[in-house]
Amino acid sequence: AAYVIACVGALFAARSLDTQLFPRVAAGQMPVRIRAPSGTRLARTETLVREVDQAIRDEVGPRNVHMTLANIGSPPWSYPVNALYVFNQGPHEAVLLVAFEPGAKRPPIPVVEERLRAVFKKQFPMVHFSFEPGDIVSQVLDFGAAAPIHVTVSGNDLAKDAAYAERVKTALEAIPSLRDVQIPGALDYPTLDVHVDRERAGELGLS
């Protein structure tokens, strides 16, 4: 009778437990993607990453941070790295990997991320941030992607595609359980449109 009562009580208690396909592992690492305004120079992005690094240390305590590693800007053409496998689309983007001290007395990483979102929003209002999973289980389940949810918008008219993507982004931001909703592509990157005066070029002997 005691066994049956214990089993029934356990079943009722289990109904209040959260469920996951695979539980999130506390790996002690926190990758942060940083996206400054389009066209930001590399030197300014580097300064920004240092400021973000310091903001993280101030929030969790400098003794709780074991090491940080930053990848800033896109690799130059002389590097043997295929740009297809690099997140950074230009000098305005960076990835900061934060490794915490093992056994440090700090809040869980999801709590740290929520606190940092508020700090970043106040301290860097023009910069977009997103947090990646630092454990291998989540990375494998996401097929190595930066986030567990991706929405792709494609079409023949870039202006209409961008407008539609903004509508999708606004709708997703209204869902309370989602975080760091953003459009990763730099649709407003500053460009220079050059028109050649062919007659004048011909007069100067240019092909």
C-alpha atoms as a PDB file:
ATOM      1  CA  ALA A   1       0.000   0.000   0.000  1.00  0.00           C
ATOM      2  CA  ALA A   2       2.839   2.388   0.837  1.00  0.00           C
ATOM      3  CA  TYR A   3       4.489   1.608  -2.504  1.00  0.00           C
ATOM      4  CA  VAL A   4       1.276   2.354  -4.420  1.00  0.00           C
ATOM      5  CA  ILE A   5       0.776   5.617  -2.525  1.00  0.00           C
ATOM      6  CA  ALA A   6       4.388   6.628  -3.262  1.00  0.00           C
ATOM      7  CA  CYS A   7       3.967   5.838  -6.974  1.00  0.00           C
ATOM      8  CA  VAL A   8       0.739   7.825  -7.241  1.00  0.00           C
ATOM      9  CA  GLY A   9       2.349  10.764  -5.485  1.00  0.00           C
ATOM     10  CA  ALA A  10       5.352  10.595  -7.805  1.00  0.00           C
ATOM     11  CA  LEU A  11       3.105  10.560 -10.878  1.00  0.00           C
ATOM     12  CA  PHE A  12       1.242  13.660  -9.712  1.00  0.00           C
ATOM     13  CA  ALA A  13       4.535  15.394  -8.931  1.00  0.00           C
ATOM     14  CA  ALA A  14       5.967  14.481 -12.357  1.00  0.00           C
ATOM     15  CA  ARG A  15       3.156  16.390 -14.077  1.00  0.00           C
ATOM     16  CA  SER A  16       4.707  19.668 -12.913  1.00  0.00           C
ATOM     17  CA  LEU A  17       8.163  18.891 -14.329  1.00  0.00           C
ATOM     18  CA  ASP A  18       9.429  20.558 -17.505  1.00  0.00           C
ATOM     19  CA  THR A  19      10.264  18.300 -20.436  1.00  0.00           C
ATOM     20  CA  GLN A  20      13.011  18.475 -23.067  1.00  0.00           C
ATOM     21  CA  LEU A  21      14.121  16.253 -25.923  1.00  0.00           C
ATOM     22  CA  PHE A  22      17.659  16.456 -24.535  1.00  0.00           C
ATOM     23  CA  PRO A  23      18.415  18.419 -21.351  1.00  0.00           C
ATOM     24  CA  ARG A  24      20.709  21.405 -21.718  1.00  0.00           C
ATOM     25  CA  VAL A  25      24.179  20.614 -20.395  1.00  0.00           C
ATOM     26  CA  ALA A  26      26.042  23.134 -18.258  1.00  0.00           C
ATOM     27  CA  ALA A  27      29.255  23.289 -20.303  1.00  0.00           C
ATOM     28  CA  GLY A  28      30.586  26.437 -18.638  1.00  0.00           C
ATOM     29  CA  GLN A  29      30.858  28.248 -21.976  1.00  0.00           C
ATOM     30  CA  MET A  30      28.794  31.060 -23.449  1.00  0.00           C
ATOM     31  CA  PRO A  31      29.258  32.132 -27.101  1.00  0.00           C
ATOM     32  CA  VAL A  32      28.009  35.665 -27.812  1.00  0.00           C
ATOM     33  CA  ARG A  33      27.435  36.946 -31.339  1.00  0.00           C
ATOM     34  CA  ILE A  34      27.924  40.690 -31.733  1.00  0.00           C
ATOM     35  CA  ARG A  35      26.552  42.608 -34.686  1.00  0.00           C
ATOM     36  CA  ALA A  36      27.391  46.321 -34.782  1.00  0.00           C
ATOM     37  CA  PRO A  37      25.681  48.731 -37.193  1.00  0.00           C
ATOM     38  CA  SER A  38      26.453  47.921 -40.818  1.00  0.00           C
ATOM     39  CA  GLY A  39      29.597  49.624 -42.060  1.00  0.00           C
ATOM     40  CA  THR A  40      31.319  49.838 -38.659  1.00  0.00           C
ATOM     41  CA  ARG A  41      35.079  49.847 -39.095  1.00  0.00           C
ATOM     42  CA  LEU A  42      37.135  46.920 -37.831  1.00  0.00           C
ATOM     43  CA  ALA A  43      38.993  49.016 -35.249  1.00  0.00           C
ATOM     44  CA  ARG A  44      35.706  50.266 -33.791  1.00  0.00           C
ATOM     45  CA  THR A  45      34.313  46.717 -33.672  1.00  0.00           C
ATOM     46  CA  GLU A  46      37.421  45.578 -31.812  1.00  0.00           C
ATOM     47  CA  THR A  47      36.921  48.341 -29.246  1.00  0.00           C
ATOM     48  CA  LEU A  48      33.271  47.355 -28.943  1.00  0.00           C
ATOM     49  CA  VAL A  49      34.172  43.712 -28.283  1.00  0.00           C
ATOM     50  CA  ARG A  50      36.554  44.769 -25.524  1.00  0.00           C
ATOM     51  CA  GLU A  51      33.761  46.819 -23.947  1.00  0.00           C
ATOM     52  CA  VAL A  52      31.378  43.849 -24.166  1.00  0.00           C
ATOM     53  CA  ASP A  53      34.038  41.628 -22.595  1.00  0.00           C
ATOM     54  CA  GLN A  54      34.390  44.073 -19.713  1.00  0.00           C
ATOM     55  CA  ALA A  55      30.608  44.330 -19.296  1.00  0.00           C
ATOM     56  CA  ILE A  56      30.396  40.535 -18.952  1.00  0.00           C
ATOM     57  CA  ARG A  57      33.163  40.499 -16.351  1.00  0.00           C
ATOM     58  CA  ASP A  58      31.481  43.297 -14.413  1.00  0.00           C
ATOM     59  CA  GLU A  59      28.174  41.412 -14.390  1.00  0.00           C
ATOM     60  CA  VAL A  60      29.372  37.919 -13.392  1.00  0.00           C
ATOM     61  CA  GLY A  61      32.526  38.944 -11.545  1.00  0.00           C
ATOM     62  CA  PRO A  62      36.021  39.008 -13.066  1.00  0.00           C
ATOM     63  CA  ARG A  63      37.124  36.004 -10.984  1.00  0.00           C
ATOM     64  CA  ASN A  64      34.339  33.901 -12.505  1.00  0.00           C
ATOM     65  CA  VAL A  65      35.638  34.369 -16.077  1.00  0.00           C
ATOM     66  CA  HIS A  66      38.434  31.959 -16.974  1.00  0.00           C
ATOM     67  CA  MET A  67      39.101  33.124 -20.536  1.00  0.00           C
ATOM     68  CA  THR A  68      37.546  34.954 -23.469  1.00  0.00           C
ATOM     69  CA  LEU A  69      38.294  34.416 -27.157  1.00  0.00           C
ATOM     70  CA  ALA A  70      37.075  36.797 -29.872  1.00  0.00           C
ATOM     71  CA  ASN A  71      36.802  36.384 -33.643  1.00  0.00           C
ATOM     72  CA  ILE A  72      36.357  39.871 -35.115  1.00  0.00           C
ATOM     73  CA  GLY A  73      35.590  40.713 -38.739  1.00  0.00           C
ATOM     74  CA  SER A  74      35.892  38.478 -41.769  1.00  0.00           C
ATOM     75  CA  PRO A  75      39.222  36.775 -42.608  1.00  0.00           C
ATOM     76  CA  PRO A  76      41.391  38.416 -45.283  1.00  0.00           C
ATOM     77  CA  TRP A  77      41.691  36.770 -48.686  1.00  0.00           C
ATOM     78  CA  SER A  78      45.216  35.591 -47.895  1.00  0.00           C
ATOM     79  CA  TYR A  79      44.010  33.344 -45.032  1.00  0.00           C
ATOM     80  CA  PRO A  80      43.300  29.688 -45.865  1.00  0.00           C
ATOM     81  CA  VAL A  81      39.767  29.934 -44.456  1.00  0.00           C
ATOM     82  CA  ASN A  82      36.652  29.563 -46.586  1.00  0.00           C
ATOM     83  CA  ALA A  83      34.301  32.455 -45.852  1.00  0.00           C
ATOM     84  CA  LEU A  84      31.348  30.046 -46.113  1.00  0.00           C
ATOM     85  CA  TYR A  85      32.324  28.605 -42.733  1.00  0.00           C
ATOM     86  CA  VAL A  86      32.794  31.950 -40.965  1.00  0.00           C
ATOM     87  CA  PHE A  87      29.882  33.689 -39.240  1.00  0.00           C
ATOM     88  CA  ASN A  88      31.221  37.227 -39.626  1.00  0.00           C
ATOM     89  CA  GLN A  89      29.915  38.875 -42.784  1.00  0.00           C
ATOM     90  CA  GLY A  90      32.114  41.945 -42.475  1.00  0.00           C
ATOM     91  CA  PRO A  91      34.143  44.179 -40.158  1.00  0.00           C
ATOM     92  CA  HIS A  92      31.014  45.016 -38.130  1.00  0.00           C
ATOM     93  CA  GLU A  93      30.479  41.483 -36.755  1.00  0.00           C
ATOM     94  CA  ALA A  94      32.247  39.389 -34.130  1.00  0.00           C
ATOM     95  CA  VAL A  95      31.896  36.252 -32.009  1.00  0.00           C
ATOM     96  CA  LEU A  96      32.998  36.293 -28.368  1.00  0.00           C
ATOM     97  CA  LEU A  97      33.425  32.951 -26.580  1.00  0.00           C
ATOM     98  CA  VAL A  98      33.344  33.229 -22.793  1.00  0.00           C
ATOM     99  CA  ALA A  99      34.646  30.341 -20.664  1.00  0.00           C
ATOM    100  CA  PHE A 100      33.730  30.487 -16.981  1.00  0.00           C
ATOM    101  CA  GLU A 101      35.889  29.234 -14.132  1.00  0.00           C
ATOM    102  CA  PRO A 102      35.036  25.633 -13.197  1.00  0.00           C
ATOM    103  CA  GLY A 103      33.200  25.499  -9.889  1.00  0.00           C
ATOM    104  CA  ALA A 104      32.734  29.269  -9.745  1.00  0.00           C
ATOM    105  CA  LYS A 105      29.816  30.537  -7.673  1.00  0.00           C
ATOM    106  CA  ARG A 106      27.724  32.205 -10.340  1.00  0.00           C
ATOM    107  CA  PRO A 107      24.132  31.959 -11.584  1.00  0.00           C
ATOM    108  CA  PRO A 108      23.300  29.399 -14.295  1.00  0.00           C
ATOM    109  CA  ILE A 109      24.196  30.455 -17.828  1.00  0.00           C
ATOM    110  CA  PRO A 110      20.526  31.038 -18.904  1.00  0.00           C
ATOM    111  CA  VAL A 111      20.157  33.441 -15.964  1.00  0.00           C
ATOM    112  CA  VAL A 112      23.425  35.162 -16.886  1.00  0.00           C
ATOM    113  CA  GLU A 113      22.214  35.542 -20.473  1.00  0.00           C
ATOM    114  CA  GLU A 114      18.955  37.186 -19.363  1.00  0.00           C
ATOM    115  CA  ARG A 115      20.833  39.618 -17.127  1.00  0.00           C
ATOM    116  CA  LEU A 116      23.321  40.425 -19.895  1.00  0.00           C
ATOM    117  CA  ARG A 117      20.509  41.121 -22.357  1.00  0.00           C
ATOM    118  CA  ALA A 118      19.306  43.924 -20.090  1.00  0.00           C
ATOM    119  CA  VAL A 119      22.862  45.232 -19.634  1.00  0.00           C
ATOM    120  CA  PHE A 120      23.637  45.163 -23.362  1.00  0.00           C
ATOM    121  CA  LYS A 121      20.350  46.853 -24.269  1.00  0.00           C
ATOM    122  CA  LYS A 122      21.159  49.725 -21.936  1.00  0.00           C
ATOM    123  CA  GLN A 123      24.891  50.010 -22.627  1.00  0.00           C
ATOM    124  CA  PHE A 124      24.942  49.201 -26.372  1.00  0.00           C
ATOM    125  CA  PRO A 125      21.537  50.233 -27.780  1.00  0.00           C
ATOM    126  CA  MET A 126      22.665  50.215 -31.428  1.00  0.00           C
ATOM    127  CA  VAL A 127      24.275  46.758 -31.317  1.00  0.00           C
ATOM    128  CA  HIS A 128      22.520  43.406 -31.830  1.00  0.00           C
ATOM    129  CA  PHE A 129      23.439  40.470 -29.609  1.00  0.00           C
ATOM    130  CA  SER A 130      22.526  36.804 -29.606  1.00  0.00           C
ATOM    131  CA  PHE A 131      23.594  33.905 -27.420  1.00  0.00           C
ATOM    132  CA  GLU A 132      24.515  30.475 -28.763  1.00  0.00           C
ATOM    133  CA  PRO A 133      24.416  27.198 -26.863  1.00  0.00           C
ATOM    134  CA  GLY A 134      27.824  26.330 -25.479  1.00  0.00           C
ATOM    135  CA  ASP A 135      27.225  22.608 -25.024  1.00  0.00           C
ATOM    136  CA  ILE A 136      27.831  20.027 -27.735  1.00  0.00           C
ATOM    137  CA  VAL A 137      24.379  18.425 -27.361  1.00  0.00           C
ATOM    138  CA  SER A 138      22.502  21.602 -28.324  1.00  0.00           C
ATOM    139  CA  GLN A 139      24.969  22.328 -31.126  1.00  0.00           C
ATOM    140  CA  VAL A 140      24.419  18.880 -32.633  1.00  0.00           C
ATOM    141  CA  LEU A 141      20.637  19.134 -32.325  1.00  0.00           C
ATOM    142  CA  ASP A 142      20.774  22.520 -34.097  1.00  0.00           C
ATOM    143  CA  PHE A 143      22.999  21.036 -36.845  1.00  0.00           C
ATOM    144  CA  GLY A 144      25.689  23.562 -35.971  1.00  0.00           C
ATOM    145  CA  ALA A 145      23.381  26.515 -36.604  1.00  0.00           C
ATOM    146  CA  ALA A 146      23.527  29.694 -34.551  1.00  0.00           C
ATOM    147  CA  ALA A 147      19.969  29.319 -33.232  1.00  0.00           C
ATOM    148  CA  PRO A 148      17.402  26.523 -32.884  1.00  0.00           C
ATOM    149  CA  ILE A 149      14.822  28.360 -35.031  1.00  0.00           C
ATOM    150  CA  HIS A 150      15.503  29.759 -38.503  1.00  0.00           C
ATOM    151  CA  VAL A 151      13.079  31.387 -40.923  1.00  0.00           C
ATOM    152  CA  THR A 152      14.230  31.868 -44.515  1.00  0.00           C
ATOM    153  CA  VAL A 153      12.667  34.527 -46.734  1.00  0.00           C
ATOM    154  CA  SER A 154      13.483  34.392 -50.448  1.00  0.00           C
ATOM    155  CA  GLY A 155      12.227  36.164 -53.551  1.00  0.00           C
ATOM    156  CA  ASN A 156      13.164  38.183 -56.628  1.00  0.00           C
ATOM    157  CA  ASP A 157      12.664  41.672 -55.169  1.00  0.00           C
ATOM    158  CA  LEU A 158      15.105  42.550 -52.373  1.00  0.00           C
ATOM    159  CA  ALA A 159      13.082  45.534 -51.143  1.00  0.00           C
ATOM    160  CA  LYS A 160       9.877  43.489 -50.865  1.00  0.00           C
ATOM    161  CA  ASP A 161      11.760  40.554 -49.320  1.00  0.00           C
ATOM    162  CA  ALA A 162      13.284  42.849 -46.689  1.00  0.00           C
ATOM    163  CA  ALA A 163       9.911  44.374 -45.874  1.00  0.00           C
ATOM    164  CA  TYR A 164       8.335  40.933 -45.515  1.00  0.00           C
ATOM    165  CA  ALA A 165      11.228  39.736 -43.359  1.00  0.00           C
ATOM    166  CA  GLU A 166      10.665  42.707 -41.054  1.00  0.00           C
ATOM    167  CA  ARG A 167       7.009  41.720 -40.707  1.00  0.00           C
ATOM    168  CA  VAL A 168       8.004  38.155 -39.826  1.00  0.00           C
ATOM    169  CA  LYS A 169      10.547  39.466 -37.326  1.00  0.00           C
ATOM    170  CA  THR A 170       7.934  41.696 -35.675  1.00  0.00           C
ATOM    171  CA  ALA A 171       5.523  38.760 -35.386  1.00  0.00           C
ATOM    172  CA  LEU A 172       8.190  36.522 -33.848  1.00  0.00           C
ATOM    173  CA  GLU A 173       9.196  39.204 -31.347  1.00  0.00           C
ATOM    174  CA  ALA A 174       5.634  39.095 -29.988  1.00  0.00           C
ATOM    175  CA  ILE A 175       6.164  35.488 -28.828  1.00  0.00           C
ATOM    176  CA  PRO A 176       7.298  35.705 -25.170  1.00  0.00           C
ATOM    177  CA  SER A 177       9.391  32.519 -25.242  1.00  0.00           C
ATOM    178  CA  LEU A 178      11.691  33.696 -28.069  1.00  0.00           C
ATOM    179  CA  ARG A 179      14.921  35.633 -27.533  1.00  0.00           C
ATOM    180  CA  ASP A 180      17.357  37.574 -29.735  1.00  0.00           C
ATOM    181  CA  VAL A 181      15.036  37.698 -32.777  1.00  0.00           C
ATOM    182  CA  GLN A 182      16.871  39.467 -35.589  1.00  0.00           C
ATOM    183  CA  ILE A 183      17.692  39.446 -39.292  1.00  0.00           C
ATOM    184  CA  PRO A 184      21.319  38.301 -39.584  1.00  0.00           C
ATOM    185  CA  GLY A 185      21.905  39.634 -43.091  1.00  0.00           C
ATOM    186  CA  ALA A 186      23.240  43.188 -43.446  1.00  0.00           C
ATOM    187  CA  LEU A 187      20.540  44.551 -45.756  1.00  0.00           C
ATOM    188  CA  ASP A 188      21.587  48.174 -45.177  1.00  0.00           C
ATOM    189  CA  TYR A 189      25.344  47.840 -45.661  1.00  0.00           C
ATOM    190  CA  PRO A 190      26.720  51.115 -47.103  1.00  0.00           C
ATOM    191  CA  THR A 191      27.746  50.765 -50.735  1.00  0.00           C
ATOM    192  CA  LEU A 192      29.204  52.933 -53.479  1.00  0.00           C
ATOM    193  CA  ASP A 193      27.379  52.930 -56.809  1.00  0.00           C
ATOM    194  CA  VAL A 194      29.784  53.862 -59.619  1.00  0.00           C
ATOM    195  CA  HIS A 195      28.526  54.983 -63.036  1.00  0.00           C
ATOM    196  CA  VAL A 196      31.153  55.244 -65.771  1.00  0.00           C
ATOM    197  CA  ASP A 197      30.933  57.992 -68.396  1.00  0.00           C
ATOM    198  CA  ARG A 198      31.981  55.840 -71.336  1.00  0.00           C
ATOM    199  CA  GLU A 199      32.529  58.764 -73.710  1.00  0.00           C
ATOM    200  CA  ARG A 200      34.771  60.574 -71.241  1.00  0.00           C
ATOM    201  CA  ALA A 201      36.600  57.316 -70.463  1.00  0.00           C
ATOM    202  CA  GLY A 202      37.150  56.756 -74.179  1.00  0.00           C
ATOM    203  CA  GLU A 203      38.574  60.265 -74.548  1.00  0.00           C
ATOM    204  CA  LEU A 204      41.074  59.443 -71.807  1.00  0.00           C
ATOM    205  CA  GLY A 205      42.068  56.219 -73.574  1.00  0.00           C
ATOM    206  CA  LEU A 206      40.543  53.868 -70.965  1.00  0.00           C
ATOM    207  CA  SER A 207      39.035  50.546 -72.006  1.00  0.00           C
END
